[in-house]
Amino acid sequence: MVARSMFKANYSKLALFCAIQAILWESTAYAYLDPGTGSMMLQALIGAIAGTIAAVSLYWRKIKSFFSKRLGRTYSDEND
């Protein structure tokens, strides 16, 4: 049991060290980003915003009732 926990601890330290090395290691990326890449990133951003708005609008009553219970306020359904 002790050897297994030591192995997990050493493995965790090694994994953390490798992750930090991968993030901090600098190298030149010889890559070409065409104009379509920027358009794709813009579409992803707009899609994420639209998805968030849709999710909030679908669950608005639940979100509103959750926070009203937390704050001790009561709202009627007429004031949506």
N, C-alpha and C. Protein backbone atom coordinates (compact mmCIF):
# COMPACT_ATOMS: atom_id res chain seq x y z
N MET A 1 0.82 -1.19 0.00
CA MET A 1 0.00 0.00 0.00
C MET A 1 0.86 1.26 0.00
N VAL A 2 1.91 1.25 0.78
CA VAL A 2 2.75 2.44 0.87
C VAL A 2 3.46 2.68 -0.46
N ALA A 3 3.94 1.62 -1.07
CA ALA A 3 4.64 1.76 -2.35
C ALA A 3 3.71 2.30 -3.42
N ARG A 4 2.46 1.86 -3.38
CA ARG A 4 1.50 2.31 -4.39
C ARG A 4 1.21 3.81 -4.23
N SER A 5 1.05 4.30 -2.99
CA SER A 5 0.78 5.71 -2.78
C SER A 5 2.01 6.55 -3.13
N MET A 6 3.21 6.00 -2.88
CA MET A 6 4.42 6.73 -3.27
C MET A 6 4.52 6.82 -4.78
N PHE A 7 4.13 5.75 -5.46
CA PHE A 7 4.16 5.75 -6.92
C PHE A 7 3.20 6.80 -7.46
N LYS A 8 1.98 6.88 -6.89
CA LYS A 8 1.00 7.87 -7.32
C LYS A 8 1.51 9.28 -7.08
N ALA A 9 2.17 9.50 -5.93
CA ALA A 9 2.70 10.83 -5.62
C ALA A 9 3.79 11.21 -6.62
N ASN A 10 4.70 10.26 -6.90
CA ASN A 10 5.78 10.54 -7.85
C ASN A 10 5.23 10.74 -9.25
N TYR A 11 4.23 9.95 -9.62
CA TYR A 11 3.63 10.07 -10.94
C TYR A 11 2.92 11.42 -11.08
N SER A 12 2.25 11.86 -10.03
CA SER A 12 1.56 13.15 -10.06
C SER A 12 2.56 14.29 -10.21
N LYS A 13 3.68 14.20 -9.50
CA LYS A 13 4.71 15.24 -9.60
C LYS A 13 5.31 15.25 -11.00
N LEU A 14 5.55 14.08 -11.56
CA LEU A 14 6.10 13.99 -12.91
C LEU A 14 5.12 14.56 -13.94
N ALA A 15 3.85 14.22 -13.80
CA ALA A 15 2.84 14.73 -14.73
C ALA A 15 2.73 16.25 -14.63
N LEU A 16 2.78 16.78 -13.41
CA LEU A 16 2.72 18.24 -13.23
C LEU A 16 3.95 18.90 -13.84
N PHE A 17 5.12 18.32 -13.61
CA PHE A 17 6.35 18.86 -14.17
C PHE A 17 6.30 18.87 -15.70
N CYS A 18 5.82 17.78 -16.30
CA CYS A 18 5.73 17.70 -17.76
C CYS A 18 4.73 18.71 -18.31
N ALA A 19 3.61 18.91 -17.61
CA ALA A 19 2.62 19.88 -18.07
C ALA A 19 3.19 21.29 -18.02
N ILE A 20 3.90 21.63 -16.95
CA ILE A 20 4.49 22.96 -16.84
C ILE A 20 5.56 23.16 -17.90
N GLN A 21 6.37 22.14 -18.14
CA GLN A 21 7.40 22.22 -19.18
C GLN A 21 6.76 22.45 -20.55
N ALA A 22 5.69 21.76 -20.84
CA ALA A 22 5.04 21.89 -22.14
C ALA A 22 4.47 23.28 -22.33
N ILE A 23 3.98 23.88 -21.26
CA ILE A 23 3.41 25.22 -21.35
C ILE A 23 4.50 26.27 -21.48
N LEU A 24 5.58 26.12 -20.72
CA LEU A 24 6.62 27.14 -20.69
C LEU A 24 7.67 26.99 -21.79
N TRP A 25 7.76 25.84 -22.42
CA TRP A 25 8.76 25.62 -23.45
C TRP A 25 8.38 26.40 -24.69
N GLU A 26 9.27 27.25 -25.11
CA GLU A 26 8.99 28.08 -26.29
C GLU A 26 9.58 27.43 -27.53
N SER A 27 8.80 27.48 -28.57
CA SER A 27 9.31 27.04 -29.86
C SER A 27 8.57 27.83 -30.95
N THR A 28 9.20 27.96 -32.06
CA THR A 28 8.60 28.68 -33.17
C THR A 28 7.65 27.76 -33.91
N ALA A 29 6.45 28.26 -34.13
CA ALA A 29 5.48 27.48 -34.89
C ALA A 29 5.47 28.02 -36.31
N TYR A 30 5.96 27.23 -37.22
CA TYR A 30 5.98 27.63 -38.61
C TYR A 30 4.62 27.26 -39.22
N ALA A 31 3.65 28.11 -38.96
CA ALA A 31 2.29 27.80 -39.39
C ALA A 31 1.73 29.00 -40.13
N TYR A 32 0.78 28.73 -40.98
CA TYR A 32 0.13 29.77 -41.75
C TYR A 32 -1.33 29.83 -41.34
N LEU A 33 -1.78 30.99 -40.93
CA LEU A 33 -3.18 31.19 -40.58
C LEU A 33 -3.82 32.04 -41.69
N ASP A 34 -4.67 31.41 -42.46
CA ASP A 34 -5.32 32.13 -43.54
C ASP A 34 -6.53 32.91 -43.00
N PRO A 35 -7.10 33.79 -43.80
CA PRO A 35 -8.24 34.59 -43.35
C PRO A 35 -9.44 33.74 -42.92
N GLY A 36 -9.58 32.55 -43.43
CA GLY A 36 -10.68 31.69 -43.03
C GLY A 36 -10.60 31.27 -41.57
N THR A 37 -9.39 31.23 -41.02
CA THR A 37 -9.21 30.86 -39.62
C THR A 37 -9.82 31.91 -38.71
N GLY A 38 -9.59 33.16 -39.01
CA GLY A 38 -10.18 34.24 -38.22
C GLY A 38 -11.70 34.22 -38.31
N SER A 39 -12.21 33.95 -39.48
CA SER A 39 -13.65 33.85 -39.67
C SER A 39 -14.22 32.70 -38.86
N MET A 40 -13.51 31.59 -38.83
CA MET A 40 -13.97 30.42 -38.06
C MET A 40 -13.97 30.73 -36.56
N MET A 41 -12.96 31.42 -36.08
CA MET A 41 -12.92 31.79 -34.66
C MET A 41 -14.05 32.75 -34.32
N LEU A 42 -14.34 33.69 -35.20
CA LEU A 42 -15.44 34.63 -34.99
C LEU A 42 -16.77 33.90 -34.96
N GLN A 43 -16.97 32.94 -35.85
CA GLN A 43 -18.21 32.15 -35.86
C GLN A 43 -18.35 31.34 -34.58
N ALA A 44 -17.26 30.79 -34.07
CA ALA A 44 -17.31 30.02 -32.82
C ALA A 44 -17.68 30.92 -31.65
N LEU A 45 -17.14 32.13 -31.63
CA LEU A 45 -17.46 33.08 -30.56
C LEU A 45 -18.93 33.48 -30.62
N ILE A 46 -19.42 33.81 -31.81
CA ILE A 46 -20.83 34.18 -31.96
C ILE A 46 -21.74 33.01 -31.60
N GLY A 47 -21.36 31.80 -31.99
CA GLY A 47 -22.15 30.61 -31.64
C GLY A 47 -22.19 30.37 -30.15
N ALA A 48 -21.07 30.58 -29.46
CA ALA A 48 -21.03 30.40 -28.01
C ALA A 48 -21.91 31.43 -27.31
N ILE A 49 -21.88 32.66 -27.78
CA ILE A 49 -22.73 33.71 -27.20
C ILE A 49 -24.20 33.38 -27.44
N ALA A 50 -24.54 32.98 -28.66
CA ALA A 50 -25.93 32.64 -28.98
C ALA A 50 -26.40 31.44 -28.17
N GLY A 51 -25.55 30.44 -27.99
CA GLY A 51 -25.89 29.27 -27.19
C GLY A 51 -26.12 29.62 -25.73
N THR A 52 -25.29 30.51 -25.20
CA THR A 52 -25.46 30.95 -23.82
C THR A 52 -26.76 31.70 -23.64
N ILE A 53 -27.08 32.59 -24.57
CA ILE A 53 -28.33 33.34 -24.50
C ILE A 53 -29.53 32.40 -24.59
N ALA A 54 -29.45 31.41 -25.47
CA ALA A 54 -30.55 30.45 -25.61
C ALA A 54 -30.74 29.63 -24.34
N ALA A 55 -29.64 29.18 -23.75
CA ALA A 55 -29.73 28.38 -22.52
C ALA A 55 -30.31 29.20 -21.37
N VAL A 56 -29.87 30.44 -21.24
CA VAL A 56 -30.39 31.30 -20.18
C VAL A 56 -31.86 31.59 -20.39
N SER A 57 -32.26 31.82 -21.63
CA SER A 57 -33.67 32.12 -21.88
C SER A 57 -34.56 30.90 -21.65
N LEU A 58 -34.04 29.69 -21.89
CA LEU A 58 -34.82 28.49 -21.64
C LEU A 58 -35.01 28.23 -20.14
N TYR A 59 -34.01 28.53 -19.35
CA TYR A 59 -34.06 28.25 -17.93
C TYR A 59 -34.22 29.51 -17.08
N TRP A 60 -34.74 30.60 -17.66
CA TRP A 60 -34.82 31.87 -16.96
C TRP A 60 -35.66 31.77 -15.69
N ARG A 61 -36.80 31.12 -15.73
CA ARG A 61 -37.65 31.02 -14.55
C ARG A 61 -36.97 30.26 -13.43
N LYS A 62 -36.26 29.19 -13.76
CA LYS A 62 -35.56 28.41 -12.73
C LYS A 62 -34.42 29.22 -12.12
N ILE A 63 -33.68 29.93 -12.96
CA ILE A 63 -32.59 30.77 -12.47
C ILE A 63 -33.14 31.87 -11.57
N LYS A 64 -34.23 32.50 -12.00
CA LYS A 64 -34.84 33.58 -11.24
C LYS A 64 -35.37 33.08 -9.90
N SER A 65 -36.02 31.92 -9.88
CA SER A 65 -36.56 31.40 -8.63
C SER A 65 -35.42 30.96 -7.69
N PHE A 66 -34.33 30.43 -8.24
CA PHE A 66 -33.19 30.03 -7.41
C PHE A 66 -32.62 31.24 -6.67
N PHE A 67 -32.39 32.33 -7.41
CA PHE A 67 -31.81 33.50 -6.77
C PHE A 67 -32.81 34.22 -5.87
N SER A 68 -34.08 34.16 -6.20
CA SER A 68 -35.06 34.81 -5.34
C SER A 68 -35.18 34.06 -4.01
N LYS A 69 -35.03 32.74 -4.03
CA LYS A 69 -35.03 31.97 -2.78
C LYS A 69 -33.79 32.30 -1.96
N ARG A 70 -32.67 32.46 -2.62
CA ARG A 70 -31.42 32.79 -1.92
C ARG A 70 -31.48 34.18 -1.29
N LEU A 71 -32.10 35.12 -1.99
CA LEU A 71 -32.14 36.50 -1.51
C LEU A 71 -33.38 36.79 -0.67
N GLY A 72 -34.30 35.82 -0.63
CA GLY A 72 -35.50 35.99 0.19
C GLY A 72 -36.54 36.90 -0.44
N ARG A 73 -36.50 37.05 -1.75
CA ARG A 73 -37.47 37.91 -2.44
C ARG A 73 -38.50 37.04 -3.14
N THR A 74 -39.66 37.59 -3.35
CA THR A 74 -40.69 36.88 -4.12
C THR A 74 -41.07 37.72 -5.32
N TYR A 75 -41.17 37.07 -6.44
CA TYR A 75 -41.56 37.73 -7.68
C TYR A 75 -42.75 36.98 -8.26
N SER A 76 -43.63 37.71 -8.88
CA SER A 76 -44.72 37.05 -9.56
C SER A 76 -44.32 36.76 -11.00
N ASP A 77 -45.03 35.85 -11.66
CA ASP A 77 -44.71 35.49 -13.04
C ASP A 77 -45.07 36.60 -14.02
N GLU A 78 -45.81 37.60 -13.60
CA GLU A 78 -46.23 38.68 -14.48
C GLU A 78 -45.07 39.60 -14.83
N ASN A 79 -44.05 39.65 -13.98
CA ASN A 79 -42.95 40.59 -14.18
C ASN A 79 -41.76 39.96 -14.91
N ASP A 80 -41.99 38.97 -15.73
CA ASP A 80 -40.89 38.32 -16.47
C ASP A 80 -40.33 39.32 -17.42
